[in-house]
Amino acid sequence: NVQQYAQATKEVMQVAAQQIQGYLKESGRNLNVSVDESTGYYVARVVNPETGEVVRSLPSEETLRIARSIDQMRGMLVNQKA
């Protein structure tokens, strides 16, 4: 079942994120994991807790912009065919 698989994947991601977050806190960094609403991708950001600066983002912001652009182009193609 797709829903069960998606839920299991989400739970595995949450556990992995918590473990990584524990490691990063020891090194003076925070990990934020979220879902990008427009693409549905999981996004992990390593943040400097003192400055709030994003040290690393996976996927990168550029990759997310490209994914959004591709989704928009798909939408335009579908609208033109309809």
N, C-alpha and C. Protein backbone atom coordinates (compact mmCIF):
# COMPACT_ATOMS: atom_id res chain seq x y z
N ASN A 1 0.84 -1.18 0.00
CA ASN A 1 0.00 0.00 0.00
C ASN A 1 0.89 1.24 0.00
N VAL A 2 0.58 2.16 -0.88
CA VAL A 2 1.39 3.37 -1.04
C VAL A 2 1.35 4.24 0.21
N GLN A 3 0.18 4.37 0.82
CA GLN A 3 0.07 5.21 2.03
C GLN A 3 0.91 4.65 3.17
N GLN A 4 0.88 3.35 3.35
CA GLN A 4 1.67 2.73 4.41
C GLN A 4 3.16 2.92 4.16
N TYR A 5 3.58 2.78 2.91
CA TYR A 5 4.98 2.98 2.55
C TYR A 5 5.39 4.42 2.81
N ALA A 6 4.54 5.36 2.41
CA ALA A 6 4.84 6.78 2.61
C ALA A 6 4.96 7.10 4.09
N GLN A 7 4.07 6.54 4.90
CA GLN A 7 4.11 6.78 6.35
C GLN A 7 5.38 6.18 6.95
N ALA A 8 5.74 4.97 6.53
CA ALA A 8 6.96 4.33 7.03
C ALA A 8 8.19 5.14 6.64
N THR A 9 8.21 5.64 5.41
CA THR A 9 9.33 6.46 4.96
C THR A 9 9.42 7.73 5.78
N LYS A 10 8.29 8.35 6.05
CA LYS A 10 8.27 9.57 6.85
C LYS A 10 8.82 9.30 8.25
N GLU A 11 8.43 8.19 8.84
CA GLU A 11 8.90 7.85 10.19
C GLU A 11 10.40 7.58 10.20
N VAL A 12 10.90 6.89 9.18
CA VAL A 12 12.33 6.62 9.08
C VAL A 12 13.09 7.94 8.93
N MET A 13 12.57 8.85 8.12
CA MET A 13 13.21 10.16 7.94
C MET A 13 13.25 10.93 9.25
N GLN A 14 12.17 10.87 10.02
CA GLN A 14 12.13 11.59 11.29
C GLN A 14 13.16 11.05 12.27
N VAL A 15 13.27 9.73 12.35
CA VAL A 15 14.25 9.11 13.25
C VAL A 15 15.67 9.47 12.81
N ALA A 16 15.94 9.37 11.52
CA ALA A 16 17.27 9.71 11.01
C ALA A 16 17.59 11.18 11.28
N ALA A 17 16.61 12.05 11.07
CA ALA A 17 16.81 13.48 11.31
C ALA A 17 17.13 13.74 12.78
N GLN A 18 16.45 13.05 13.69
CA GLN A 18 16.70 13.23 15.12
C GLN A 18 18.11 12.78 15.48
N GLN A 19 18.55 11.68 14.91
CA GLN A 19 19.90 11.18 15.19
C GLN A 19 20.95 12.15 14.66
N ILE A 20 20.75 12.63 13.46
CA ILE A 20 21.70 13.58 12.87
C ILE A 20 21.68 14.88 13.65
N GLN A 21 20.49 15.31 14.06
CA GLN A 21 20.37 16.55 14.82
C GLN A 21 21.16 16.45 16.13
N GLY A 22 21.11 15.31 16.80
CA GLY A 22 21.89 15.12 18.03
C GLY A 22 23.38 15.27 17.78
N TYR A 23 23.85 14.68 16.69
CA TYR A 23 25.26 14.79 16.34
C TYR A 23 25.64 16.24 16.04
N LEU A 24 24.80 16.93 15.27
CA LEU A 24 25.12 18.30 14.88
C LEU A 24 25.09 19.26 16.07
N LYS A 25 24.19 19.03 17.02
CA LYS A 25 24.15 19.89 18.20
C LYS A 25 25.47 19.85 18.95
N GLU A 26 26.08 18.67 18.99
CA GLU A 26 27.39 18.53 19.63
C GLU A 26 28.44 19.37 18.92
N SER A 27 28.27 19.58 17.62
CA SER A 27 29.24 20.36 16.86
C SER A 27 28.81 21.83 16.71
N GLY A 28 27.77 22.24 17.45
CA GLY A 28 27.35 23.64 17.41
C GLY A 28 26.49 24.00 16.21
N ARG A 29 25.78 23.04 15.67
CA ARG A 29 24.88 23.28 14.52
C ARG A 29 23.51 22.70 14.83
N ASN A 30 22.50 23.21 14.15
CA ASN A 30 21.14 22.67 14.26
C ASN A 30 20.73 22.13 12.90
N LEU A 31 19.86 21.13 12.91
CA LEU A 31 19.33 20.56 11.68
C LEU A 31 17.83 20.78 11.66
N ASN A 32 17.36 21.37 10.57
CA ASN A 32 15.92 21.54 10.37
C ASN A 32 15.52 20.71 9.16
N VAL A 33 14.55 19.83 9.34
CA VAL A 33 14.04 19.02 8.23
C VAL A 33 12.59 19.40 8.02
N SER A 34 12.26 19.71 6.76
CA SER A 34 10.90 20.10 6.44
C SER A 34 10.56 19.57 5.05
N VAL A 35 9.31 19.76 4.66
CA VAL A 35 8.87 19.38 3.32
C VAL A 35 8.58 20.66 2.56
N ASP A 36 9.22 20.82 1.40
CA ASP A 36 8.96 21.97 0.55
C ASP A 36 7.57 21.80 -0.03
N GLU A 37 6.69 22.76 0.26
CA GLU A 37 5.28 22.62 -0.12
C GLU A 37 5.07 22.57 -1.63
N SER A 38 5.84 23.31 -2.39
CA SER A 38 5.59 23.36 -3.83
C SER A 38 6.12 22.14 -4.57
N THR A 39 7.17 21.49 -4.05
CA THR A 39 7.73 20.33 -4.74
C THR A 39 7.45 19.01 -4.04
N GLY A 40 7.19 19.06 -2.73
CA GLY A 40 6.99 17.85 -1.95
C GLY A 40 8.30 17.19 -1.53
N TYR A 41 9.43 17.82 -1.84
CA TYR A 41 10.74 17.28 -1.47
C TYR A 41 11.02 17.51 0.01
N TYR A 42 11.69 16.53 0.63
CA TYR A 42 12.23 16.75 1.97
C TYR A 42 13.43 17.67 1.83
N VAL A 43 13.52 18.66 2.71
CA VAL A 43 14.63 19.61 2.69
C VAL A 43 15.30 19.58 4.06
N ALA A 44 16.60 19.37 4.07
CA ALA A 44 17.38 19.39 5.31
C ALA A 44 18.27 20.62 5.28
N ARG A 45 18.20 21.40 6.34
CA ARG A 45 19.04 22.60 6.44
C ARG A 45 19.86 22.54 7.72
N VAL A 46 21.17 22.72 7.58
CA VAL A 46 22.07 22.83 8.72
C VAL A 46 22.20 24.31 9.01
N VAL A 47 21.87 24.69 10.26
CA VAL A 47 21.80 26.11 10.63
C VAL A 47 22.75 26.39 11.79
N ASN A 48 23.46 27.52 11.70
CA ASN A 48 24.27 27.99 12.81
C ASN A 48 23.31 28.59 13.83
N PRO A 49 23.19 28.01 15.03
CA PRO A 49 22.19 28.48 16.00
C PRO A 49 22.46 29.89 16.53
N GLU A 50 23.70 30.33 16.48
CA GLU A 50 24.03 31.66 16.99
C GLU A 50 23.61 32.76 16.03
N THR A 51 23.77 32.50 14.73
CA THR A 51 23.48 33.54 13.73
C THR A 51 22.21 33.29 12.94
N GLY A 52 21.71 32.04 12.95
CA GLY A 52 20.55 31.70 12.14
C GLY A 52 20.91 31.46 10.69
N GLU A 53 22.20 31.56 10.36
CA GLU A 53 22.66 31.38 8.98
C GLU A 53 22.51 29.92 8.56
N VAL A 54 21.98 29.71 7.34
CA VAL A 54 21.89 28.37 6.77
C VAL A 54 23.28 28.02 6.25
N VAL A 55 23.90 27.02 6.86
CA VAL A 55 25.24 26.60 6.48
C VAL A 55 25.19 25.70 5.25
N ARG A 56 24.19 24.82 5.20
CA ARG A 56 24.05 23.89 4.09
C ARG A 56 22.58 23.53 3.95
N SER A 57 22.13 23.39 2.71
CA SER A 57 20.75 22.99 2.44
C SER A 57 20.79 21.86 1.42
N LEU A 58 20.07 20.78 1.72
CA LEU A 58 19.98 19.64 0.81
C LEU A 58 18.53 19.29 0.58
N PRO A 59 18.00 19.30 -0.61
CA PRO A 59 18.68 19.78 -1.80
C PRO A 59 18.91 21.28 -1.70
N SER A 60 19.77 21.79 -2.55
CA SER A 60 20.10 23.21 -2.51
C SER A 60 18.90 24.05 -2.95
N GLU A 61 18.95 25.32 -2.61
CA GLU A 61 17.87 26.23 -3.03
C GLU A 61 17.78 26.27 -4.55
N GLU A 62 18.92 26.20 -5.22
CA GLU A 62 18.93 26.21 -6.69
C GLU A 62 18.20 24.98 -7.24
N THR A 63 18.43 23.83 -6.65
CA THR A 63 17.75 22.61 -7.08
C THR A 63 16.24 22.73 -6.88
N LEU A 64 15.83 23.31 -5.75
CA LEU A 64 14.40 23.50 -5.50
C LEU A 64 13.80 24.47 -6.51
N ARG A 65 14.53 25.54 -6.86
CA ARG A 65 14.03 26.49 -7.87
C ARG A 65 13.85 25.79 -9.21
N ILE A 66 14.81 24.96 -9.58
CA ILE A 66 14.72 24.23 -10.85
C ILE A 66 13.51 23.30 -10.83
N ALA A 67 13.31 22.58 -9.73
CA ALA A 67 12.17 21.67 -9.62
C ALA A 67 10.85 22.43 -9.73
N ARG A 68 10.77 23.60 -9.09
CA ARG A 68 9.55 24.42 -9.19
C ARG A 68 9.31 24.87 -10.62
N SER A 69 10.39 25.28 -11.30
CA SER A 69 10.27 25.73 -12.69
C SER A 69 9.78 24.60 -13.58
N ILE A 70 10.31 23.41 -13.38
CA ILE A 70 9.88 22.25 -14.17
C ILE A 70 8.40 21.97 -13.92
N ASP A 71 7.98 22.03 -12.66
CA ASP A 71 6.56 21.81 -12.34
C ASP A 71 5.69 22.85 -13.01
N GLN A 72 6.14 24.11 -13.03
CA GLN A 72 5.36 25.17 -13.67
C GLN A 72 5.27 24.92 -15.17
N MET A 73 6.39 24.50 -15.79
CA MET A 73 6.37 24.22 -17.23
C MET A 73 5.43 23.07 -17.55
N ARG A 74 5.44 22.03 -16.71
CA ARG A 74 4.51 20.91 -16.90
C ARG A 74 3.07 21.40 -16.85
N GLY A 75 2.79 22.27 -15.90
CA GLY A 75 1.45 22.82 -15.76
C GLY A 75 1.03 23.60 -17.00
N MET A 76 1.96 24.38 -17.55
CA MET A 76 1.65 25.17 -18.74
C MET A 76 1.41 24.25 -19.93
N LEU A 77 2.20 23.17 -20.05
CA LEU A 77 2.02 22.24 -21.16
C LEU A 77 0.67 21.54 -21.06
N VAL A 78 0.28 21.15 -19.87
CA VAL A 78 -1.01 20.50 -19.68
C VAL A 78 -2.13 21.46 -20.02
N ASN A 79 -2.02 22.71 -19.59
CA ASN A 79 -3.05 23.70 -19.88
C ASN A 79 -3.16 23.96 -21.37
N GLN A 80 -2.03 23.96 -22.10
CA GLN A 80 -2.06 24.21 -23.54
C GLN A 80 -2.71 23.05 -24.28
N LYS A 81 -2.53 21.82 -23.80
CA LYS A 81 -3.12 20.66 -24.45
C LYS A 81 -4.61 20.58 -24.20
N ALA A 82 -5.07 21.12 -23.09
CA ALA A 82 -6.48 21.02 -22.72
C ALA A 82 -7.35 21.92 -23.52
